[in-house]
């Protein structure tokens, strides 16, 4: 009995820790949403990128306090005139729906420390320190619930206002977090997870927390709401999804939950009165293409707006969002709940997948009008043009589709290619040498990075190297040079030691990964020079 009690004592904390994480179903439904609205809104919106009649051109406008070297006491007084009487949370929710968005994430507190919710931890918030006197976050959470949108909040772990915290004069926003400020953050996270309904995600940002602090922030969220997804910018590999760099899209498919945060313009997220907004149609096409790129590589796209200080949405931004929404009415079938493309690269554009259907986004018509799907082994049964009242049926030819007359659809023609059975695609693969051995060099690998390791400015860590290769069936010895400690080897999705039995597949996949959470082993896979598979029979 004593042994059993000891085993249970060891097991129960592990089980509790595992139960805190979002379920596989939660992760799946989060991934299926694909498109959401980001909102950067705070007292910086009142300034619009201006200070005492001058443009502050350095950095993002939501960070004007730091980028403009504004005196702390003068900046704090902006709260006294922040009165967004034109802020209409129901109108915002309806705009998100018109844009085809499935969720909204708003800044509950940015780096300047001004809370857009009624926190009890500081009077420096929208209810206690502004003439507006209403809880912005609560109003939007309720509006989202009324129309069926999921809701989440952004939360900065640094705070230029907090006494004893790191100030706005720091050269970069990767400040260390003192213990008292850590406790303050935890208290605010407890408020957000307790008083604003079910949250789909908490979007942490910046700072350089210790591994223990990152875990504490994540655990605080998960203890209150186990199904709330935590962004990777909580750092130290504690997040539930990876966040790419601002306005950044990876070059190929990433096989983990991830998200690209994007702004209408690269130059700012918060409202900038003097921003060059350009042409609305061109900007709409730009963000449709970015959305397609992200979804084709397995991610979600979070597109930002920056309301004015009075709470109104910039008309240009609303026009762009509605343009994306109009496109999604015709082509959303190819976006929502779709999986990443199985092709390494397509000469004509991008693709997504659903059971029985490939969706082909044609950016550039190939010569001869034939869309070639490299490595496709599964037989296509029929193809047609998606969108519009009439769906033109196209000719299927081997592993491709022959286009008809050019469609007047921007920025893509979208083609549906149907198939039967399981989808099989043979990726570009490394061939064996004459003696049957296979050599896999680091330069030939697909390299998978985690962007949310130790801090925003740290080099992304490698969490996996992967190769595709062909080989005759038989038993093979695996040799890794230089030999690495603690890494695992998987062949065709199964754990392997230094020997593996290969069957008669069209190709094989070998991957190596460091042990989680990679805190001390970030560079292990990157140290690989060569993997050799030698046939023994």
Protein backbone atom coordinates (compact mmCIF):
# COMPACT_ATOMS: atom_id res chain seq x y z
CA UNK A 1 0.00 0.00 0.00
CA UNK A 2 2.86 2.36 0.85
CA UNK A 3 4.38 1.74 -2.60
CA UNK A 4 1.02 2.37 -4.27
CA UNK A 5 0.58 5.62 -2.36
CA UNK A 6 4.04 6.74 -3.42
CA UNK A 7 3.32 5.96 -7.07
CA UNK A 8 -0.01 7.81 -6.91
CA UNK A 9 1.68 10.81 -5.32
CA UNK A 10 4.10 10.92 -8.24
CA UNK A 11 1.43 10.35 -10.87
CA UNK A 12 -1.29 12.77 -9.74
CA UNK A 13 0.73 16.01 -10.14
CA UNK A 14 1.77 14.86 -13.64
CA UNK A 15 -1.84 14.07 -14.53
CA UNK A 16 -2.99 17.44 -13.21
CA UNK A 17 -0.30 19.23 -15.21
CA UNK A 18 -1.32 17.39 -18.37
CA UNK A 19 -5.02 18.13 -17.79
CA UNK A 20 -4.29 21.87 -17.66
CA UNK A 21 -3.35 21.93 -21.32
CA UNK A 22 -5.99 22.46 -24.01
CA UNK A 23 -7.41 19.22 -25.33
CA UNK A 24 -6.63 17.93 -28.81
CA UNK A 25 -10.18 18.86 -29.80
CA UNK A 26 -9.67 22.43 -28.59
CA UNK A 27 -6.44 22.74 -30.57
CA UNK A 28 -8.12 21.33 -33.66
CA UNK A 29 -11.09 23.74 -33.52
CA UNK A 30 -8.70 26.65 -32.84
CA UNK A 31 -6.73 25.70 -35.96
CA UNK A 32 -9.87 25.42 -38.06
CA UNK A 33 -10.92 29.06 -37.51
CA UNK A 34 -8.08 30.34 -39.73
CA UNK A 35 -8.91 34.06 -39.68
CA UNK A 36 -9.36 36.50 -36.82
CA UNK A 37 -9.32 40.20 -35.94
CA UNK A 38 -6.57 41.76 -33.86
CA UNK A 39 -7.32 45.17 -32.27
CA UNK A 40 -4.66 47.52 -30.93
CA UNK A 41 -6.57 50.13 -28.92
CA UNK A 42 -5.41 52.25 -25.98
CA UNK A 43 -4.58 55.78 -24.91
CA UNK A 44 -1.88 55.79 -27.61
CA UNK A 45 -4.80 55.79 -30.09
CA UNK A 46 -5.69 59.26 -28.80
CA UNK A 47 -2.31 60.55 -29.96
CA UNK A 48 -2.44 58.98 -33.42
CA UNK A 49 1.34 58.98 -33.79
CA UNK A 50 1.62 62.70 -32.92
CA UNK A 51 3.13 64.48 -29.93
CA UNK A 52 2.77 68.23 -29.45
CA UNK A 53 2.10 68.74 -33.14
CA UNK A 54 5.00 66.64 -34.40
CA UNK A 55 5.00 63.23 -36.03
CA UNK A 56 6.78 60.49 -34.11
CA UNK A 57 8.19 58.50 -37.01
CA UNK A 58 10.27 55.98 -35.10
CA UNK A 59 8.74 52.56 -34.38
CA UNK A 60 5.11 51.53 -34.01
CA UNK A 61 2.63 54.22 -32.91
CA UNK A 62 1.24 52.11 -30.05
CA UNK A 63 4.73 52.41 -28.53
CA UNK A 64 4.87 56.18 -28.91
CA UNK A 65 5.71 56.68 -25.23
CA UNK A 66 9.00 54.87 -25.70
CA UNK A 67 9.71 55.66 -29.34
CA UNK A 68 9.09 59.39 -28.80
CA UNK A 69 10.84 59.56 -25.42
CA UNK A 70 7.69 61.09 -23.92
CA UNK A 71 7.86 62.14 -20.26
CA UNK A 72 6.07 59.50 -18.19
CA UNK A 73 3.91 61.96 -16.24
CA UNK A 74 2.83 63.79 -19.40
CA UNK A 75 1.98 60.56 -21.23
CA UNK A 76 -0.10 59.36 -18.30
CA UNK A 77 -2.20 62.52 -18.49
CA UNK A 78 -3.42 61.41 -21.95
CA UNK A 79 -5.71 59.01 -20.08
CA UNK A 80 -7.58 62.01 -18.65
CA UNK A 81 -8.81 62.96 -22.11
CA UNK A 82 -9.27 59.45 -23.54
CA UNK A 83 -13.00 59.29 -24.23
CA UNK A 84 -13.79 56.90 -27.13
CA UNK A 85 -17.48 57.80 -27.41
CA UNK A 86 -17.64 56.35 -30.94
CA UNK A 87 -16.43 52.93 -29.79
CA UNK A 88 -19.23 50.48 -30.61
CA UNK A 89 -18.40 46.88 -29.68
CA UNK A 90 -21.42 45.50 -31.53
CA UNK A 91 -20.35 47.33 -34.67
CA UNK A 92 -16.83 45.92 -34.28
CA UNK A 93 -18.21 42.40 -33.92
CA UNK A 94 -20.37 42.87 -37.01
CA UNK A 95 -17.36 44.16 -38.97
CA UNK A 96 -15.41 41.04 -38.00
CA UNK A 97 -18.28 38.87 -39.20
CA UNK A 98 -18.50 40.83 -42.46
CA UNK A 99 -14.76 40.21 -42.91
CA UNK A 100 -15.26 36.46 -42.52
CA UNK A 101 -13.37 36.43 -39.22
CA UNK A 102 -14.12 33.82 -36.58
CA UNK A 103 -12.60 35.45 -33.48
CA UNK A 104 -11.36 38.74 -32.04
CA UNK A 105 -8.31 39.47 -29.88
CA UNK A 106 -8.02 42.92 -28.27
CA UNK A 107 -5.21 44.58 -26.30
CA UNK A 108 -6.23 44.33 -22.65
CA UNK A 109 -2.95 46.02 -21.65
CA UNK A 110 -0.08 47.09 -23.88
CA UNK A 111 3.49 47.97 -22.89
CA UNK A 112 2.44 51.40 -21.60
CA UNK A 113 0.59 49.68 -18.74
CA UNK A 114 -2.81 51.29 -19.32
CA UNK A 115 -5.45 48.59 -18.83
CA UNK A 116 -8.47 48.58 -21.12
CA UNK A 117 -10.38 46.56 -18.53
CA UNK A 118 -11.47 47.35 -14.97
CA UNK A 119 -8.55 45.88 -13.08
CA UNK A 120 -8.39 46.04 -9.28
CA UNK A 121 -4.58 46.01 -9.37
CA UNK A 122 -4.14 49.62 -10.50
CA UNK A 123 -6.27 52.71 -11.04
CA UNK A 124 -4.45 53.24 -14.33
CA UNK A 125 -7.29 51.76 -16.34
CA UNK A 126 -10.07 52.83 -18.66
CA UNK A 127 -12.77 52.80 -15.97
CA UNK A 128 -10.95 54.64 -13.17
CA UNK A 129 -8.66 57.01 -15.07
CA UNK A 130 -10.54 58.07 -18.20
CA UNK A 131 -13.73 60.06 -18.77
CA UNK A 132 -15.08 57.10 -20.77
CA UNK A 133 -15.49 55.09 -17.58
CA UNK A 134 -16.51 51.80 -19.21
CA UNK A 135 -14.76 48.43 -19.42
CA UNK A 136 -13.72 48.18 -23.10
CA UNK A 137 -12.70 44.52 -22.87
CA UNK A 138 -15.92 43.47 -21.15
CA UNK A 139 -18.09 45.29 -23.68
CA UNK A 140 -16.36 43.59 -26.61
CA UNK A 141 -16.42 40.17 -24.94
CA UNK A 142 -20.19 40.49 -24.52
CA UNK A 143 -20.64 41.70 -28.12
CA UNK A 144 -18.69 38.72 -29.45
CA UNK A 145 -20.83 36.34 -27.40
CA UNK A 146 -23.98 37.88 -28.88
CA UNK A 147 -22.92 37.15 -32.46
CA UNK A 148 -21.11 33.86 -31.93
CA UNK A 149 -17.50 35.04 -32.30
CA UNK A 150 -14.75 33.60 -30.13
CA UNK A 151 -12.95 36.13 -27.96
CA UNK A 152 -9.40 36.52 -26.68
CA UNK A 153 -7.10 39.14 -25.20
CA UNK A 154 -3.60 40.44 -25.79
CA UNK A 155 -1.53 40.93 -22.64
CA UNK A 156 1.92 42.54 -22.41
CA UNK A 157 4.09 41.09 -19.67
CA UNK A 158 6.14 44.30 -19.53
CA UNK A 159 4.63 47.48 -18.10
CA UNK A 160 6.21 50.92 -18.35
CA UNK A 161 3.83 52.31 -15.73
CA UNK A 162 4.27 49.71 -12.99
CA UNK A 163 6.32 51.09 -10.04
CA UNK A 164 9.65 49.30 -9.93
CA UNK A 165 9.08 47.68 -13.30
CA UNK A 166 11.18 48.29 -16.37
CA UNK A 167 10.52 51.64 -17.96
CA UNK A 168 9.92 52.91 -21.47
CA UNK A 169 13.56 54.00 -21.73
CA UNK A 170 14.78 50.44 -22.28
CA UNK A 171 16.37 49.99 -25.73
CA UNK A 172 14.30 46.87 -26.50
CA UNK A 173 11.10 45.35 -25.17
CA UNK A 174 12.76 42.21 -23.83
CA UNK A 175 12.90 43.50 -20.28
CA UNK A 176 13.37 41.24 -17.29
CA UNK A 177 10.33 41.00 -15.02
CA UNK A 178 10.90 41.74 -11.30
CA UNK A 179 9.15 39.44 -8.80
CA UNK A 180 6.63 42.07 -7.64
CA UNK A 181 5.72 42.80 -11.25
CA UNK A 182 5.40 39.08 -11.94
CA UNK A 183 2.86 38.86 -9.09
CA UNK A 184 1.00 41.88 -10.51
CA UNK A 185 0.78 40.18 -13.91
CA UNK A 186 -0.54 36.99 -12.36
CA UNK A 187 -3.22 38.93 -10.49
CA UNK A 188 -4.34 40.63 -13.71
CA UNK A 189 -4.36 37.31 -15.58
CA UNK A 190 -6.59 35.88 -12.85
CA UNK A 191 -8.98 38.79 -13.37
CA UNK A 192 -9.06 38.34 -17.13
CA UNK A 193 -9.68 34.60 -16.94
CA UNK A 194 -12.36 34.99 -14.26
CA UNK A 195 -14.44 37.92 -15.46
CA UNK A 196 -14.58 37.98 -19.26
CA UNK A 197 -16.20 34.74 -20.25
CA UNK A 198 -14.52 31.80 -21.97
CA UNK A 199 -11.37 33.00 -23.74
CA UNK A 200 -10.16 31.34 -26.92
CA UNK A 201 -6.60 32.60 -26.39
CA UNK A 202 -4.40 34.91 -24.35
CA UNK A 203 -1.87 36.57 -26.61
CA UNK A 204 1.18 37.24 -24.46
CA UNK A 205 3.79 39.62 -25.78
CA UNK A 206 7.37 40.69 -25.17
CA UNK A 207 9.44 40.79 -22.02
CA UNK A 208 12.09 38.23 -21.16
CA UNK A 209 10.55 36.08 -18.46
CA UNK A 210 12.48 33.29 -16.78
CA UNK A 211 11.36 29.71 -17.53
CA UNK A 212 9.70 29.66 -14.11
CA UNK A 213 7.80 32.89 -14.85
CA UNK A 214 6.66 31.66 -18.25
CA UNK A 215 5.35 28.48 -16.67
CA UNK A 216 3.61 30.42 -13.91
CA UNK A 217 1.84 32.71 -16.41
CA UNK A 218 0.75 29.74 -18.52
CA UNK A 219 -0.39 27.71 -15.52
CA UNK A 220 -2.37 30.69 -14.21
CA UNK A 221 -4.34 30.78 -17.46
CA UNK A 222 -4.80 27.02 -17.73
CA UNK A 223 -5.87 26.56 -14.10
CA UNK A 224 -8.73 29.01 -14.66
CA UNK A 225 -9.51 28.04 -18.26
CA UNK A 226 -7.83 24.79 -19.38
CA UNK A 227 -9.16 25.22 -22.91
CA UNK A 228 -7.72 28.73 -23.39
CA UNK A 229 -4.81 28.68 -25.84
CA UNK A 230 -1.68 30.51 -24.67
CA UNK A 231 0.48 32.23 -27.28
CA UNK A 232 4.10 31.23 -27.72
CA UNK A 233 5.24 34.72 -26.77
CA UNK A 234 4.86 33.69 -23.16
CA UNK A 235 8.26 32.23 -24.16
CA UNK A 236 10.45 29.41 -22.84
CA UNK A 237 8.43 26.87 -24.88
CA UNK A 238 5.41 27.20 -22.58
CA UNK A 239 2.84 28.33 -25.15
CA UNK A 240 0.19 26.25 -26.88
CA UNK A 241 0.83 27.77 -30.30
CA UNK A 242 3.79 29.36 -32.03
CA UNK A 243 3.62 33.01 -33.03
CA UNK A 244 5.60 34.08 -36.07
CA UNK A 245 7.38 37.41 -36.19
CA UNK A 246 5.25 40.48 -36.92
CA UNK A 247 3.86 40.23 -40.47
CA UNK A 248 6.01 37.13 -41.05
CA UNK A 249 5.00 33.95 -42.93
CA UNK A 250 7.15 30.78 -42.97
CA UNK A 251 8.41 29.48 -46.30
CA UNK A 252 6.86 26.03 -46.00
CA UNK A 253 4.39 23.93 -44.00
CA UNK A 254 4.86 24.05 -40.22
CA UNK A 255 3.56 20.96 -38.44
CA UNK A 256 2.45 22.54 -35.15
CA UNK A 257 -0.29 25.02 -34.18
CA UNK A 258 0.85 28.48 -35.26
CA UNK A 259 -0.32 31.95 -36.10
CA UNK A 260 0.88 34.95 -38.09
CA UNK A 261 0.03 38.33 -36.54
CA UNK A 262 -0.36 40.93 -39.27
CA UNK A 263 -1.24 44.59 -39.49
CA UNK A 264 -3.04 46.33 -42.35
CA UNK A 265 0.28 48.22 -42.77
CA UNK A 266 3.73 47.01 -41.77
CA UNK A 267 4.60 50.37 -40.19
CA UNK A 268 2.17 50.41 -37.25
CA UNK A 269 -0.50 48.53 -35.31
CA UNK A 270 -1.96 51.36 -33.24
CA UNK A 271 -3.76 54.24 -34.98
CA UNK A 272 -1.49 56.61 -36.92
CA UNK A 273 -3.24 59.70 -38.24
CA UNK A 274 -0.65 60.34 -40.93
CA UNK A 275 -0.24 56.77 -42.17
CA UNK A 276 0.02 56.37 -45.94
CA UNK A 277 -2.85 53.95 -46.53
CA UNK A 278 -2.47 53.36 -50.25
CA UNK A 279 -5.05 51.76 -52.52
CA UNK A 280 -7.80 49.78 -50.79
CA UNK A 281 -8.24 47.24 -53.60
CA UNK A 282 -4.49 46.52 -53.71
CA UNK A 283 -4.36 46.25 -49.93
CA UNK A 284 -7.31 43.86 -49.95
CA UNK A 285 -5.60 41.61 -52.50
CA UNK A 286 -2.40 41.73 -50.45
CA UNK A 287 -4.13 40.42 -47.33
CA UNK A 288 -6.15 37.80 -49.21
CA UNK A 289 -2.87 36.43 -50.56
CA UNK A 290 -1.28 36.49 -47.11
CA UNK A 291 -4.29 34.66 -45.69
CA UNK A 292 -4.01 32.00 -48.40
CA UNK A 293 -0.25 31.64 -47.84
CA UNK A 294 -0.72 31.18 -44.11
CA UNK A 295 -3.53 28.64 -44.43
CA UNK A 296 -1.68 26.71 -47.16
CA UNK A 297 1.19 26.28 -44.69
CA UNK A 298 -1.02 25.22 -41.80
CA UNK A 299 -1.46 28.42 -39.79
CA UNK A 300 -4.02 30.99 -38.66
CA UNK A 301 -4.02 34.63 -39.78
CA UNK A 302 -4.68 37.38 -37.20
CA UNK A 303 -5.21 40.70 -39.00
CA UNK A 304 -5.09 43.94 -37.01
CA UNK A 305 -7.03 47.19 -37.03
CA UNK A 306 -6.16 50.29 -35.00
CA UNK A 307 -9.21 52.38 -34.07
CA UNK A 308 -8.92 56.14 -33.59
CA UNK A 309 -8.87 57.66 -30.14
CA UNK A 310 -12.60 58.36 -30.36
CA UNK A 311 -13.20 54.65 -30.92
CA UNK A 312 -14.15 54.83 -34.59
CA UNK A 313 -12.70 52.40 -37.11
CA UNK A 314 -10.57 53.90 -39.87
CA UNK A 315 -12.74 53.74 -42.99
CA UNK A 316 -9.88 52.42 -45.13
CA UNK A 317 -9.34 49.52 -42.74
CA UNK A 318 -13.04 48.66 -42.67
CA UNK A 319 -13.08 48.71 -46.49
CA UNK A 320 -10.14 46.30 -46.66
CA UNK A 321 -11.72 43.90 -44.17
CA UNK A 322 -15.03 43.94 -46.00
CA UNK A 323 -13.18 43.26 -49.26
CA UNK A 324 -11.54 40.19 -47.74
CA UNK A 325 -14.95 39.12 -46.43
CA UNK A 326 -16.54 39.46 -49.86
CA UNK A 327 -13.83 37.21 -51.30
CA UNK A 328 -14.36 34.66 -48.54
CA UNK A 329 -18.09 34.45 -49.32
CA UNK A 330 -17.12 32.87 -52.64
CA UNK A 331 -13.97 31.03 -51.60
CA UNK A 332 -14.21 30.43 -47.85
CA UNK A 333 -14.84 26.73 -48.53
CA UNK A 334 -11.15 26.51 -49.47
CA UNK A 335 -10.00 28.29 -46.29
CA UNK A 336 -12.01 27.40 -43.18
CA UNK A 337 -11.12 24.04 -41.59
CA UNK A 338 -8.78 23.30 -44.49
CA UNK A 339 -5.44 21.54 -43.98
CA UNK A 340 -2.05 22.59 -45.26
CA UNK A 341 -0.97 21.71 -48.78
CA UNK A 342 0.88 18.37 -49.20
CA UNK A 343 3.22 19.84 -51.82
CA UNK A 344 6.61 21.35 -51.05
CA UNK A 345 6.08 24.04 -53.67
CA UNK A 346 3.65 24.79 -56.47
CA UNK A 347 4.78 26.84 -59.45
CA UNK A 348 1.34 28.38 -59.95
CA UNK A 349 0.50 29.37 -56.36
CA UNK A 350 -0.80 27.54 -53.30
CA UNK A 351 -3.15 24.76 -52.19
CA UNK A 352 -5.24 23.59 -49.25
CA UNK A 353 -6.87 20.24 -48.55
CA UNK A 354 -10.11 18.78 -47.25
CA UNK A 355 -11.13 15.11 -47.41
CA UNK A 356 -11.71 14.30 -51.09
CA UNK A 357 -10.76 17.79 -52.32
CA UNK A 358 -7.69 19.76 -53.23
CA UNK A 359 -8.16 23.52 -53.50
CA UNK A 360 -5.72 25.12 -55.93
CA UNK A 361 -5.09 28.87 -55.72
CA UNK A 362 -3.76 29.99 -59.08
CA UNK A 363 -1.70 33.14 -58.74
CA UNK A 364 0.26 32.73 -61.99
CA UNK A 365 -1.19 30.83 -64.94
CA UNK A 366 1.42 28.35 -66.23
CA UNK A 367 2.31 28.18 -69.90
CA UNK A 368 -0.14 25.84 -71.58
CA UNK A 369 -2.67 26.34 -68.80
CA UNK A 370 -1.93 23.03 -67.02
CA UNK A 371 -1.67 22.95 -63.23
CA UNK A 372 0.91 20.28 -62.37
CA UNK A 373 0.68 18.72 -58.90
CA UNK A 374 4.17 17.29 -58.32
CA UNK A 375 4.33 13.89 -56.66
CA UNK A 376 0.56 13.33 -56.67
CA UNK A 377 -0.09 9.60 -56.64
CA UNK A 378 -3.81 9.65 -55.94
CA UNK A 379 -6.03 9.78 -59.01
CA UNK A 380 -8.04 12.94 -59.57
CA UNK A 381 -11.66 12.28 -60.44
CA UNK A 382 -12.87 15.70 -61.56
CA UNK A 383 -12.09 19.39 -61.33
CA UNK A 384 -14.02 22.63 -61.52
CA UNK A 385 -13.69 26.36 -60.89
CA UNK A 386 -14.82 27.54 -57.45
CA UNK A 387 -16.78 30.73 -56.98
CA UNK A 388 -19.46 32.55 -58.87
CA UNK A 389 -22.85 31.31 -60.01
CA UNK A 390 -21.49 28.88 -62.62
CA UNK A 391 -18.84 26.30 -61.83
CA UNK A 392 -16.89 25.57 -64.99
CA UNK A 393 -15.88 21.90 -65.23
CA UNK A 394 -12.22 21.43 -66.13
CA UNK A 395 -10.28 18.59 -67.73
CA UNK A 396 -8.30 16.25 -65.45
CA UNK A 397 -5.06 15.02 -66.99
CA UNK A 398 -2.80 12.66 -65.01
CA UNK A 399 -1.43 14.49 -62.00
CA UNK A 400 -2.76 17.84 -63.11
CA UNK A 401 -5.69 19.97 -64.19
CA UNK A 402 -6.08 21.77 -67.50
CA UNK A 403 -7.48 25.27 -67.04
CA UNK A 404 -10.19 26.70 -69.21
CA UNK A 405 -10.60 30.32 -70.20
CA UNK A 406 -9.00 32.84 -67.84
CA UNK A 407 -11.27 33.75 -64.95
CA UNK A 408 -11.78 37.33 -63.90
CA UNK A 409 -11.05 36.53 -60.25
CA UNK A 410 -8.51 38.48 -58.18
CA UNK A 411 -6.08 37.81 -56.66
CA UNK A 412 -6.58 34.11 -57.46
CA UNK A 413 -8.44 31.71 -59.65
CA UNK A 414 -9.53 28.90 -57.32
CA UNK A 415 -9.88 25.37 -58.66
CA UNK A 416 -11.32 22.35 -56.85
CA UNK A 417 -9.70 19.04 -57.78
CA UNK A 418 -11.58 16.07 -56.36
CA UNK A 419 -9.98 12.71 -55.62
CA UNK A 420 -11.02 9.33 -54.27
CA UNK A 421 -9.54 7.41 -51.34
CA UNK A 422 -6.53 8.54 -49.33
CA UNK A 423 -4.48 11.46 -50.60
CA UNK A 424 -0.93 10.34 -51.41
CA UNK A 425 1.79 12.72 -52.49
CA UNK A 426 5.41 11.65 -52.92
CA UNK A 427 7.64 14.53 -51.84
CA UNK A 428 11.02 15.24 -53.47
CA UNK A 429 13.20 12.47 -52.02
CA UNK A 430 16.90 11.71 -51.67
CA UNK A 431 17.99 8.65 -53.68
CA UNK A 432 20.30 5.96 -52.30
CA UNK A 433 23.90 5.54 -53.42
CA UNK A 434 24.99 2.63 -55.64
CA UNK A 435 25.85 0.51 -52.59
CA UNK A 436 22.32 1.00 -51.18
CA UNK A 437 23.34 3.39 -48.41
CA UNK A 438 21.53 6.69 -47.87
CA UNK A 439 23.33 9.89 -46.86
CA UNK A 440 21.27 12.70 -45.32
CA UNK A 441 23.09 15.99 -44.78
CA UNK A 442 21.88 18.90 -42.68
CA UNK A 443 21.79 21.11 -45.78
CA UNK A 444 19.23 18.79 -47.39
CA UNK A 445 16.86 18.79 -44.39
CA UNK A 446 13.61 20.62 -43.88
CA UNK A 447 14.36 22.63 -40.76
CA UNK A 448 11.55 23.38 -38.31
CA UNK A 449 12.00 26.33 -35.96
CA UNK A 450 10.37 27.33 -32.71
CA UNK A 451 10.17 31.13 -32.69
CA UNK A 452 9.06 31.43 -29.07
CA UNK A 453 11.96 30.05 -27.08
CA UNK A 454 13.85 32.39 -24.78
CA UNK A 455 12.72 35.79 -26.03
CA UNK A 456 11.60 37.82 -29.04
CA UNK A 457 15.12 38.81 -30.05
CA UNK A 458 16.70 35.39 -29.52
CA UNK A 459 17.63 33.21 -32.46
CA UNK A 460 14.77 30.77 -33.25
CA UNK A 461 15.52 27.30 -31.95
CA UNK A 462 15.46 24.23 -34.17
CA UNK A 463 12.97 21.68 -32.91
CA UNK A 464 13.15 19.20 -35.78
CA UNK A 465 15.15 18.24 -38.86
CA UNK A 466 13.37 16.09 -41.44
CA UNK A 467 14.36 14.26 -44.64
CA UNK A 468 12.48 12.24 -47.28
CA UNK A 469 14.41 9.46 -48.99
CA UNK A 470 14.01 6.29 -51.04
CA UNK A 471 15.64 2.95 -50.20
CA UNK A 472 15.31 -0.76 -50.88
CA UNK A 473 13.46 -2.78 -48.22
CA UNK A 474 15.63 -4.27 -45.50
CA UNK A 475 17.37 -3.68 -42.22
CA UNK A 476 19.46 -0.50 -41.90
CA UNK A 477 21.94 0.77 -39.36
CA UNK A 478 21.63 4.48 -38.54
CA UNK A 479 24.68 6.58 -37.73
CA UNK A 480 24.46 10.26 -36.73
CA UNK A 481 27.55 12.47 -37.02
CA UNK A 482 28.41 13.96 -34.68
CA UNK A 483 26.68 11.68 -32.16
CA UNK A 484 24.05 13.59 -30.19
CA UNK A 485 22.81 12.93 -26.68
CA UNK A 486 19.13 13.04 -25.82
CA UNK A 487 17.68 13.36 -29.30
CA UNK A 488 15.07 10.99 -30.66
CA UNK A 489 14.90 9.51 -34.15
CA UNK A 490 11.63 8.77 -35.92
CA UNK A 491 11.36 6.85 -39.17
CA UNK A 492 8.01 6.91 -40.98
CA UNK A 493 6.38 8.40 -37.90
CA UNK A 494 7.58 5.72 -35.47
CA UNK A 495 10.36 5.90 -32.89
CA UNK A 496 13.55 4.23 -34.03
CA UNK A 497 16.83 3.40 -32.41
CA UNK A 498 20.07 2.99 -34.31
CA UNK A 499 18.57 0.18 -36.39
CA UNK A 500 15.42 0.23 -38.48
CA UNK A 501 13.54 -2.15 -40.76
CA UNK A 502 12.35 -0.42 -43.92
CA UNK A 503 9.44 -1.79 -45.89
CA UNK A 504 8.52 -1.36 -49.53
CA UNK A 505 7.12 2.17 -49.36
CA UNK A 506 7.46 4.72 -52.16
CA UNK A 507 9.52 6.91 -49.85
CA UNK A 508 10.53 7.14 -46.20
CA UNK A 509 10.72 10.01 -43.73
CA UNK A 510 13.39 10.38 -41.07
CA UNK A 511 13.20 13.09 -38.42
CA UNK A 512 15.32 13.92 -35.41
CA UNK A 513 14.09 16.04 -32.50
CA UNK A 514 15.77 17.23 -29.30
CA UNK A 515 14.24 16.32 -25.94
CA UNK A 516 11.53 18.77 -24.78
CA UNK A 517 11.46 21.51 -23.72
CA UNK A 518 14.73 22.09 -25.66
CA UNK A 519 15.76 24.68 -23.05
CA UNK A 520 19.37 23.51 -22.98
CA UNK A 521 19.29 21.55 -26.20
CA UNK A 522 18.09 24.15 -28.66
CA UNK A 523 21.04 23.67 -30.98
CA UNK A 524 21.36 19.89 -30.84
CA UNK A 525 19.71 19.11 -34.18
CA UNK A 526 21.50 22.02 -35.79
CA UNK A 527 24.77 20.34 -34.88
CA UNK A 528 23.98 17.39 -37.15
CA UNK A 529 26.37 17.13 -40.08
CA UNK A 530 25.40 13.81 -41.62
CA UNK A 531 23.09 10.85 -41.06
CA UNK A 532 24.03 7.59 -42.76
CA UNK A 533 21.70 4.63 -43.26
CA UNK A 534 23.66 1.49 -44.15
CA UNK A 535 21.82 -1.59 -45.42
CA UNK A 536 22.69 -4.73 -43.48
CA UNK A 537 20.84 -7.39 -45.53
